[in-house]
Protein backbone atom coordinates (compact mmCIF):
# COMPACT_ATOMS: atom_id res chain seq x y z
CA UNK A 1 0.14 -0.18 -0.08
CA UNK A 2 1.15 3.45 -0.65
CA UNK A 3 1.39 5.82 1.96
CA UNK A 4 -0.76 9.52 1.94
CA UNK A 5 2.44 10.97 1.13
CA UNK A 6 3.69 8.90 -1.81
CA UNK A 7 0.01 8.87 -3.21
CA UNK A 8 -0.65 12.46 -3.27
CA UNK A 9 2.71 13.09 -4.82
CA UNK A 10 1.53 10.05 -7.54
CA UNK A 11 -1.86 12.53 -8.01
CA UNK A 12 0.51 15.56 -8.33
CA UNK A 13 2.88 13.89 -11.43
CA UNK A 14 -0.55 12.01 -13.10
CA UNK A 15 -1.90 15.65 -12.71
CA UNK A 16 1.16 17.59 -13.78
CA UNK A 17 1.67 15.11 -16.82
CA UNK A 18 -1.95 15.38 -17.80
CA UNK A 19 -1.80 19.13 -18.13
CA UNK A 20 1.37 18.99 -20.08
CA UNK A 21 -0.71 16.64 -22.69
CA UNK A 22 -3.30 18.76 -22.80
CA UNK A 23 -0.92 22.17 -23.25
CA UNK A 24 1.18 20.38 -26.06
CA UNK A 25 -2.30 18.95 -27.96
CA UNK A 26 -3.78 22.73 -27.75
CA UNK A 27 -0.24 23.80 -29.17
CA UNK A 28 -0.55 21.21 -31.68
CA UNK A 29 -4.19 22.37 -32.74
CA UNK A 30 -3.10 25.30 -33.25
CA UNK A 31 0.07 24.62 -35.52
CA UNK A 32 -2.65 22.39 -37.48
CA UNK A 33 -4.99 25.40 -38.07
CA UNK A 34 -2.47 27.63 -39.00
CA UNK A 35 -0.86 25.41 -41.74
CA UNK A 36 -4.52 24.66 -42.56
CA UNK A 37 -5.15 28.02 -43.80
CA UNK A 38 -2.05 28.60 -45.40
CA UNK A 39 -2.47 25.89 -47.39
CA UNK A 40 -5.84 26.92 -48.44
CA UNK A 41 -4.58 30.38 -49.22
CA UNK A 42 -1.45 28.98 -51.12
CA UNK A 43 -3.49 26.88 -53.21
CA UNK A 44 -6.43 29.45 -53.94
CA UNK A 45 -3.58 32.13 -54.85
CA UNK A 46 -1.90 29.17 -56.66
CA UNK A 47 -5.16 28.72 -59.07
CA UNK A 48 -5.26 32.39 -59.50
CA UNK A 49 -1.79 32.54 -60.85
CA UNK A 50 -2.03 29.16 -62.94
CA UNK A 51 -5.17 30.26 -64.76
CA UNK A 52 -4.19 33.87 -65.45
CA UNK A 53 -0.89 32.45 -66.92
CA UNK A 54 -2.28 30.06 -68.62
CA UNK A 55 -4.93 32.14 -70.53
CA UNK A 56 -1.78 35.11 -70.97
CA UNK A 57 0.58 32.79 -72.43
CA UNK A 58 -2.24 31.10 -74.65
CA UNK A 59 -2.94 34.31 -76.27
CA UNK A 60 0.20 35.24 -76.48
CA UNK A 61 1.19 32.16 -78.33
CA UNK A 62 -1.81 32.60 -80.83
CA UNK A 63 -0.48 36.41 -81.18
CA UNK A 64 2.50 35.09 -82.19
CA UNK A 65 1.41 32.29 -84.70
CA UNK A 66 -0.61 34.81 -85.94
CA UNK A 67 1.99 37.04 -86.90
CA UNK A 68 4.18 34.61 -88.06
CA UNK A 69 1.56 32.62 -90.34
CA UNK A 70 2.61 33.71 -93.70
CA UNK A 71 6.25 33.60 -93.39
CA UNK A 72 7.77 31.41 -90.40
CA UNK A 73 4.43 29.86 -88.90
CA UNK A 74 6.36 26.45 -87.89
CA UNK A 75 9.52 28.54 -86.23
CA UNK A 76 6.31 30.65 -84.20
CA UNK A 77 4.70 27.30 -82.94
CA UNK A 78 8.05 26.08 -82.27
CA UNK A 79 9.09 29.14 -80.05
CA UNK A 80 5.89 28.56 -78.35
CA UNK A 81 6.70 25.38 -77.54
CA UNK A 82 10.16 26.25 -75.93
CA UNK A 83 8.82 29.03 -74.25
CA UNK A 84 6.60 26.86 -72.56
CA UNK A 85 8.64 23.86 -71.75
CA UNK A 86 11.19 26.07 -70.04
CA UNK A 87 8.38 27.94 -67.85
CA UNK A 88 7.27 24.79 -67.09
CA UNK A 89 10.92 23.47 -65.90
CA UNK A 90 10.99 26.93 -63.84
CA UNK A 91 8.06 26.51 -62.58
CA UNK A 92 8.52 23.00 -61.24
CA UNK A 93 12.12 23.97 -59.94
CA UNK A 94 10.32 27.08 -57.89
CA UNK A 95 8.09 24.67 -56.74
CA UNK A 96 10.50 21.93 -55.64
CA UNK A 97 12.53 24.67 -53.37
CA UNK A 98 9.10 26.12 -52.01
CA UNK A 99 8.38 22.53 -51.08
CA UNK A 100 11.98 21.90 -49.16
CA UNK A 101 11.88 25.45 -47.49
CA UNK A 102 8.49 24.44 -45.96
CA UNK A 103 9.57 23.74 -41.90
CA UNK A 104 7.66 20.39 -40.75
CA UNK A 105 4.29 19.58 -39.49
CA UNK A 106 4.29 20.31 -35.93
CA UNK A 107 7.90 21.37 -35.10
CA UNK A 108 7.14 23.57 -31.86
CA UNK A 109 4.59 20.59 -30.58
CA UNK A 110 7.79 18.13 -30.85
CA UNK A 111 10.28 20.49 -29.45
CA UNK A 112 7.90 20.68 -26.47
CA UNK A 113 7.61 17.01 -26.19
CA UNK A 114 11.24 17.01 -26.13
CA UNK A 115 12.28 19.36 -23.67
CA UNK A 116 9.75 17.84 -21.48
CA UNK A 117 11.06 14.85 -21.84
CA UNK A 118 14.64 16.25 -20.95
CA UNK A 119 13.06 17.79 -18.15
CA UNK A 120 11.45 14.76 -16.85
CA UNK A 121 14.91 12.87 -17.49
CA UNK A 122 16.62 15.28 -15.58
CA UNK A 123 14.35 15.53 -12.47
CA UNK A 124 14.32 11.61 -12.33
CA UNK A 125 18.21 11.19 -12.30
CA UNK A 126 18.10 13.91 -9.88
CA UNK A 127 16.00 11.46 -7.46
CA UNK A 128 17.80 8.84 -8.08
CA UNK A 129 21.02 10.36 -7.41
CA UNK A 130 19.61 11.33 -3.85
CA UNK A 131 20.73 14.26 -2.07
CA UNK A 132 24.10 14.55 -0.86
CA UNK A 133 25.13 14.84 1.95
CA UNK A 134 27.93 17.26 2.71
CA UNK A 135 31.33 15.73 4.03
CA UNK A 136 32.57 16.69 7.59
CA UNK A 137 35.90 18.37 7.93
CA UNK A 138 38.60 15.94 9.19
CA UNK A 139 39.43 16.46 12.92
CA UNK A 140 43.20 17.25 11.76
CA UNK A 141 42.92 19.49 8.96
CA UNK A 142 41.86 22.99 8.36
CA UNK A 143 38.24 24.44 9.07
């Protein structure tokens, strides 16, 4: 059986752990909401940019082909194709860089869990070593 002091200490530890878990879950929820909001905004603006760029480049390509129809229609069509390929490669490289630069999801929550774990391990090692007793000076040595 546990004595009353051990039981109350165990209850305090359990309450602290539950409180820490609740705080971390709330932090995770905030991070998830921020990530969701940023993702929705990015996707919407991305769709706007893609649609505007697609229409602009389509009409630019058509204008080039129409202007060069009598003399160099094949060259105009090939130039449009090369421009679209280069634009696609540039867009792919930008997208890849943007995805690589994103921080990991729940980065702050994971860091907090790591600090909590370290604090618990540190407190357990302090408790395991016990209080150190000061050594008494020897009778023949200086005081």
